[in-house]
Structure formats: C-alpha cells, structure tokens
Amino acid sequence: MPREKPLSRKKVSPAPALEASRPIRSSSSAQFAGAKRRKRVAPLGPEETFEVFARFRAAVPEPLGELEFLDPFTLLVAVVLSAQATDVSVNKATRALFPIAGAPDAMIAFGEENLREAIKTIGLFRTKAKNVIALSRALIDRFGGEVPRSREALESLPGVGRKTANVVLNTAFGAPTIAVDTHVFRVANRLPLAIADSPLEVELALERIVPPEFKRHAHHWLILHGRYVCKARRPECERCLVNDLCRWPEKTV
C-alpha cells in the first residue's frame, strides 16, 4: 500500500511577535503550580477575544509545529516521543527512524530494543520505546493499523493522553481541538482569556469562548505567543501584538 504524502515538513518563518512553534508536550501538574495564587482580573469579553485571535491570524495565518512527520502514524509517534523532550532531539532521531519504521507493522518488526537504541538521546527513551511498540500493536489489533480519529480511541493507546490526542486530531485530521501546554495555560490566564486552575479547565473554557473561525489554530497561536513573547519569567510586553488588550497586572507597557 503506498505511503501518504507528508502532511507537514514546513516551518513557519518568523513573523511580527510570533515565530515558528514547537508542538505541544506532556506536562506534569507541577508545571501548572501557582495558578491559584495568581491575582485574578476580569476575563476579556467576546469582542476583545475575537480581536486577539484576529491579530494572531494576521501575523501567522497558518501556524505549523516544528516536529517532522510523514503521516498520522509518524505524527502520533513524534508527539509521544516529544513529551519532556525538545523537538530538535526528536527530529534528529526520527529522521533515521521513520524511513525504516514508519508504519505500525514496521515499528513492531523494528523491535523495542532497536527502538531504544534509535531514540536513546531523547528523555525517558525506555518508557517511550515500550509505549510506541505497544501502541503500534494496539493500532494493528484494534484499528486495522490506522490512527483513529476520536479522542477516546486515541487515549486508549499506550502513552497517549488527552493533550497528545488533541494534537493528533488537530494536526493530522484538522479537528478544532485545543491542546493546553504550559504556554497556552499561562497566556490564557494572563490576558486573561480563560481563568482556570488546571489545563483541562482552560481547554474547556477556550472551547467555549474562542470564535469558531479561529479554533483550528487557536492553541498554535497561543503556544507561539507564550513561547516567544509572553514568556514565563521575562515576558516581552513591548513586542506583544495584544498588549493594549491584555489585563495582566504585571505587564510592562
């Protein structure tokens, strides 16, 4: 059976206040600690929320992540491998891996021992190798070797949580899902778009308030903004596209 054409290998050129994004990674609850201690202000209204995303879209109309993949399966594997690891380290490993183990049956034939060796430069590589082999087997046994298109089915796979499922649904299949990492969580609470104490609460709040025309890329824009402008320790408010709308008490402009 012929392989699909690559879904995405492009990288976004830097744009005003927004630059190329990295994919969403798994994060522990400790990364979100302190949310309850933030000073709360009233969230932005519908018109301001629309304006925030309109400006993000104008800066980067089609935001893309930096993970390299060929099809839904290799995207799924790449996102699983990217948890608590850099995109650079994952790409270095998968450039050699995917040509020989780019499908569930090929990954199983490659084997867990070989996979560990291939990804040993990536954090938590032993656990990730075990999960990738197990999810490959599950795809064959339960889904005919295809990556499922539902969050529930994706979350049933070893090593796949809600955030990874949302990334795959969004990037591979164009679903308007919103995956929340530390950047999305921080920006949503700072502006604030959604005031919440957990990633799931932020996700559900954003699903309610983000206008439909922006949902497809909403979390990508928020990641870009949080990674390159609205940084955790030293936010660059002077470069912020939405500083006039932001209500964060500690902003510097």
Protein backbone atom coordinates (compact mmCIF):
# COMPACT_ATOMS: atom_id res chain seq x y z
CA MET A 1 0.00 0.00 0.00
CA PRO A 2 1.54 3.37 -0.99
CA ARG A 3 2.60 5.74 1.73
CA GLU A 4 0.77 9.01 2.16
CA LYS A 5 2.44 12.21 1.15
CA PRO A 6 3.95 14.14 4.05
CA LEU A 7 1.33 16.09 5.95
CA SER A 8 3.80 18.71 7.04
CA ARG A 9 7.51 19.37 6.97
CA LYS A 10 7.30 23.11 6.54
CA LYS A 11 8.41 25.52 9.19
CA VAL A 12 6.88 28.91 9.71
CA SER A 13 9.08 31.89 9.03
CA PRO A 14 9.27 34.35 11.92
CA ALA A 15 6.51 36.96 11.85
CA PRO A 16 5.91 40.03 13.99
CA ALA A 17 5.77 38.88 17.61
CA LEU A 18 5.08 35.29 16.55
CA GLU A 19 7.63 32.73 15.45
CA ALA A 20 7.76 29.05 14.49
CA SER A 21 6.02 26.88 17.02
CA ARG A 22 7.01 23.69 18.72
CA PRO A 23 4.45 21.01 19.34
CA ILE A 24 2.59 20.53 22.49
CA ARG A 25 4.24 18.30 25.04
CA SER A 26 3.08 16.41 28.07
CA SER A 27 3.48 18.22 31.35
CA SER A 28 3.13 17.35 34.98
CA SER A 29 0.82 19.07 37.42
CA ALA A 30 3.89 20.74 38.94
CA GLN A 31 4.32 22.81 35.79
CA PHE A 32 0.96 24.42 36.45
CA ALA A 33 1.57 25.03 40.15
CA GLY A 34 0.84 28.53 41.34
CA ALA A 35 -2.26 29.09 39.22
CA LYS A 36 -4.42 29.58 42.29
CA ARG A 37 -2.06 32.22 43.64
CA ARG A 38 -2.36 34.48 40.60
CA LYS A 39 -4.11 37.79 41.04
CA ARG A 40 -7.42 37.46 39.23
CA VAL A 41 -8.87 40.08 36.88
CA ALA A 42 -11.96 40.02 34.72
CA PRO A 43 -11.51 37.98 31.52
CA LEU A 44 -11.65 39.57 28.10
CA GLY A 45 -15.07 39.92 26.53
CA PRO A 46 -16.19 38.38 23.22
CA GLU A 47 -15.13 41.36 21.06
CA GLU A 48 -11.70 41.54 22.68
CA THR A 49 -11.24 37.78 22.38
CA PHE A 50 -12.08 37.98 18.68
CA GLU A 51 -9.56 40.79 18.24
CA VAL A 52 -6.81 38.80 19.99
CA PHE A 53 -7.11 35.89 17.59
CA ALA A 54 -7.64 38.13 14.57
CA ARG A 55 -4.25 39.74 15.26
CA PHE A 56 -2.59 36.37 15.78
CA ARG A 57 -4.01 35.15 12.48
CA ALA A 58 -2.84 38.26 10.67
CA ALA A 59 0.70 37.68 11.95
CA VAL A 60 0.84 33.93 11.19
CA PRO A 61 -2.10 32.77 9.05
CA GLU A 62 -1.07 29.08 9.02
CA PRO A 63 0.97 28.24 12.13
CA LEU A 64 2.88 24.97 11.99
CA GLY A 65 4.79 22.98 14.55
CA GLU A 66 8.44 22.01 14.30
CA LEU A 67 8.07 18.25 14.67
CA GLU A 68 8.76 16.41 11.43
CA PHE A 69 6.35 13.67 10.35
CA LEU A 70 5.04 11.93 7.26
CA ASP A 71 1.51 10.83 8.10
CA PRO A 72 -0.83 10.38 11.09
CA PHE A 73 1.14 7.43 12.48
CA THR A 74 4.51 9.15 12.41
CA LEU A 75 2.90 12.28 13.87
CA LEU A 76 1.47 10.21 16.72
CA VAL A 77 4.87 8.64 17.40
CA ALA A 78 6.65 12.00 17.20
CA VAL A 79 4.27 13.62 19.67
CA VAL A 80 4.62 10.70 22.10
CA LEU A 81 8.40 10.97 21.84
CA SER A 82 8.31 14.75 22.34
CA ALA A 83 6.98 14.59 25.90
CA GLN A 84 9.56 16.29 28.14
CA ALA A 85 11.99 16.46 25.22
CA THR A 86 12.95 19.04 22.61
CA ASP A 87 11.68 18.94 19.06
CA VAL A 88 15.28 19.08 17.86
CA SER A 89 16.18 15.87 19.70
CA VAL A 90 13.06 14.10 18.42
CA ASN A 91 13.63 15.18 14.82
CA LYS A 92 17.24 14.02 14.90
CA ALA A 93 16.10 10.57 15.96
CA THR A 94 13.05 10.23 13.73
CA ARG A 95 14.81 11.31 10.52
CA ALA A 96 16.61 7.98 10.59
CA LEU A 97 13.80 6.05 12.29
CA PHE A 98 10.77 6.81 10.14
CA PRO A 99 12.21 5.63 6.80
CA ILE A 100 12.61 2.13 8.27
CA ALA A 101 9.85 2.06 10.91
CA GLY A 102 7.24 4.49 9.63
CA ALA A 103 4.20 2.23 9.97
CA PRO A 104 2.81 0.14 12.86
CA ASP A 105 3.89 -3.22 11.41
CA ALA A 106 7.33 -1.90 10.52
CA MET A 107 7.72 -0.43 14.01
CA ILE A 108 6.88 -3.78 15.61
CA ALA A 109 9.31 -5.57 13.31
CA PHE A 110 11.97 -2.99 14.22
CA GLY A 111 11.53 -4.04 17.84
CA GLU A 112 11.73 -2.41 21.24
CA GLU A 113 15.47 -2.97 21.70
CA ASN A 114 16.33 -1.34 18.37
CA LEU A 115 13.89 1.46 19.07
CA ARG A 116 15.50 2.19 22.42
CA GLU A 117 18.84 2.48 20.68
CA ALA A 118 17.38 4.74 17.97
CA ILE A 119 15.83 7.18 20.47
CA LYS A 120 18.32 6.96 23.33
CA THR A 121 19.15 10.68 23.03
CA ILE A 122 15.53 11.53 23.92
CA GLY A 123 14.40 11.85 27.52
CA LEU A 124 12.53 8.88 29.03
CA PHE A 125 13.51 6.81 25.98
CA ARG A 126 12.99 3.42 27.63
CA THR A 127 9.39 4.10 28.60
CA LYS A 128 8.69 5.78 25.28
CA ALA A 129 10.10 2.85 23.30
CA LYS A 130 7.87 0.47 25.23
CA ASN A 131 4.82 2.65 24.63
CA VAL A 132 5.49 3.13 20.91
CA ILE A 133 5.77 -0.62 20.34
CA ALA A 134 2.63 -1.21 22.42
CA LEU A 135 0.60 1.49 20.65
CA SER A 136 1.75 0.13 17.27
CA ARG A 137 0.46 -3.30 18.24
CA ALA A 138 -2.80 -1.79 19.51
CA LEU A 139 -3.30 0.07 16.23
CA ILE A 140 -2.98 -3.20 14.30
CA ASP A 141 -5.07 -5.28 16.70
CA ARG A 142 -7.89 -2.80 17.29
CA PHE A 143 -7.87 -0.23 14.50
CA GLY A 144 -6.73 -2.04 11.38
CA GLY A 145 -3.34 -0.36 11.50
CA GLU A 146 -4.86 3.12 11.14
CA VAL A 147 -4.65 6.02 13.60
CA PRO A 148 -8.18 6.51 14.97
CA ARG A 149 -9.97 9.82 14.59
CA SER A 150 -11.61 10.04 18.00
CA ARG A 151 -10.12 11.34 21.22
CA GLU A 152 -11.47 8.39 23.21
CA ALA A 153 -9.84 5.86 20.87
CA LEU A 154 -6.54 7.75 20.83
CA GLU A 155 -6.46 7.99 24.61
CA SER A 156 -6.90 4.22 24.82
CA LEU A 157 -3.44 3.79 23.24
CA PRO A 158 -0.38 3.32 25.46
CA GLY A 159 1.44 6.56 26.18
CA VAL A 160 -1.31 8.77 24.73
CA GLY A 161 -3.06 11.30 26.96
CA ARG A 162 -5.65 13.95 26.24
CA LYS A 163 -3.15 16.55 25.10
CA THR A 164 -1.38 14.19 22.68
CA ALA A 165 -4.76 13.09 21.34
CA ASN A 166 -5.79 16.70 20.79
CA VAL A 167 -2.57 17.44 18.89
CA VAL A 168 -3.04 14.45 16.59
CA LEU A 169 -6.71 15.22 15.96
CA ASN A 170 -5.89 18.83 15.20
CA THR A 171 -2.72 18.46 13.14
CA ALA A 172 -3.41 15.20 11.30
CA PHE A 173 -7.16 15.46 10.83
CA GLY A 174 -7.96 19.16 11.06
CA ALA A 175 -10.21 18.89 14.10
CA PRO A 176 -10.75 22.16 16.02
CA THR A 177 -9.32 20.70 19.24
CA ILE A 178 -7.37 22.80 21.72
CA ALA A 179 -4.36 21.23 23.39
CA VAL A 180 -3.16 23.00 26.52
CA ASP A 181 0.51 23.05 27.45
CA THR A 182 2.23 25.40 29.90
CA HIS A 183 2.39 28.20 27.31
CA VAL A 184 -1.32 28.02 26.46
CA PHE A 185 -2.15 27.77 30.16
CA ARG A 186 -0.05 30.82 31.03
CA VAL A 187 -1.26 33.07 28.20
CA ALA A 188 -4.91 32.11 28.73
CA ASN A 189 -4.68 33.07 32.40
CA ARG A 190 -2.59 36.21 31.86
CA LEU A 191 -4.58 38.04 29.19
CA PRO A 192 -6.91 36.59 30.55
CA LEU A 193 -8.96 34.61 28.06
CA ALA A 194 -9.83 31.85 30.48
CA ILE A 195 -9.27 31.95 34.22
CA ALA A 196 -8.79 28.41 35.48
CA ASP A 197 -6.59 26.31 37.75
CA SER A 198 -5.98 23.27 35.57
CA PRO A 199 -5.15 22.53 31.93
CA LEU A 200 -8.45 20.74 31.41
CA GLU A 201 -10.41 23.70 32.76
CA VAL A 202 -8.51 26.04 30.45
CA GLU A 203 -9.15 23.75 27.49
CA LEU A 204 -12.88 23.59 28.14
CA ALA A 205 -13.08 27.34 28.72
CA LEU A 206 -11.22 28.10 25.48
CA GLU A 207 -13.51 25.75 23.59
CA ARG A 208 -16.43 27.88 24.79
CA ILE A 209 -15.01 31.33 24.09
CA VAL A 210 -12.76 31.03 21.04
CA PRO A 211 -14.73 32.05 17.91
CA PRO A 212 -15.29 29.11 15.52
CA GLU A 213 -13.19 30.60 12.72
CA PHE A 214 -10.12 30.60 14.98
CA LYS A 215 -10.44 27.24 16.76
CA ARG A 216 -8.45 25.24 14.22
CA HIS A 217 -5.24 27.14 15.03
CA ALA A 218 -6.06 28.65 18.43
CA HIS A 219 -3.68 26.62 20.54
CA HIS A 220 -0.87 27.01 17.98
CA TRP A 221 -1.14 30.79 18.19
CA LEU A 222 -1.22 30.72 21.97
CA ILE A 223 1.84 28.46 22.06
CA LEU A 224 3.73 30.78 19.74
CA HIS A 225 2.81 33.78 21.83
CA GLY A 226 3.73 32.10 25.10
CA ARG A 227 6.98 30.61 23.82
CA TYR A 228 8.39 33.68 22.10
CA VAL A 229 6.69 36.74 23.60
CA CYS A 230 4.62 36.15 26.74
CA LYS A 231 7.40 34.17 28.40
CA ALA A 232 7.15 32.81 31.90
CA ARG A 233 9.96 34.79 33.53
CA ARG A 234 10.59 37.75 31.25
CA PRO A 235 7.60 38.49 29.04
CA GLU A 236 8.45 40.86 26.19
CA CYS A 237 5.41 43.08 26.53
CA GLU A 238 6.91 45.70 24.23
CA ARG A 239 6.69 43.16 21.35
CA CYS A 240 3.21 41.91 22.20
CA LEU A 241 0.60 42.16 19.48
CA VAL A 242 -2.18 42.41 22.03
CA ASN A 243 -0.61 44.45 24.83
CA ASP A 244 -3.37 47.06 24.60
CA LEU A 245 -5.95 44.34 25.26
CA CYS A 246 -4.01 42.49 27.97
CA ARG A 247 -5.21 42.95 31.56
CA TRP A 248 -2.29 41.26 33.30
CA PRO A 249 -1.43 43.48 36.30
CA GLU A 250 2.31 42.89 35.84
CA LYS A 251 2.61 43.82 32.17
CA THR A 252 5.28 46.41 31.44
CA VAL A 253 3.54 48.52 28.78
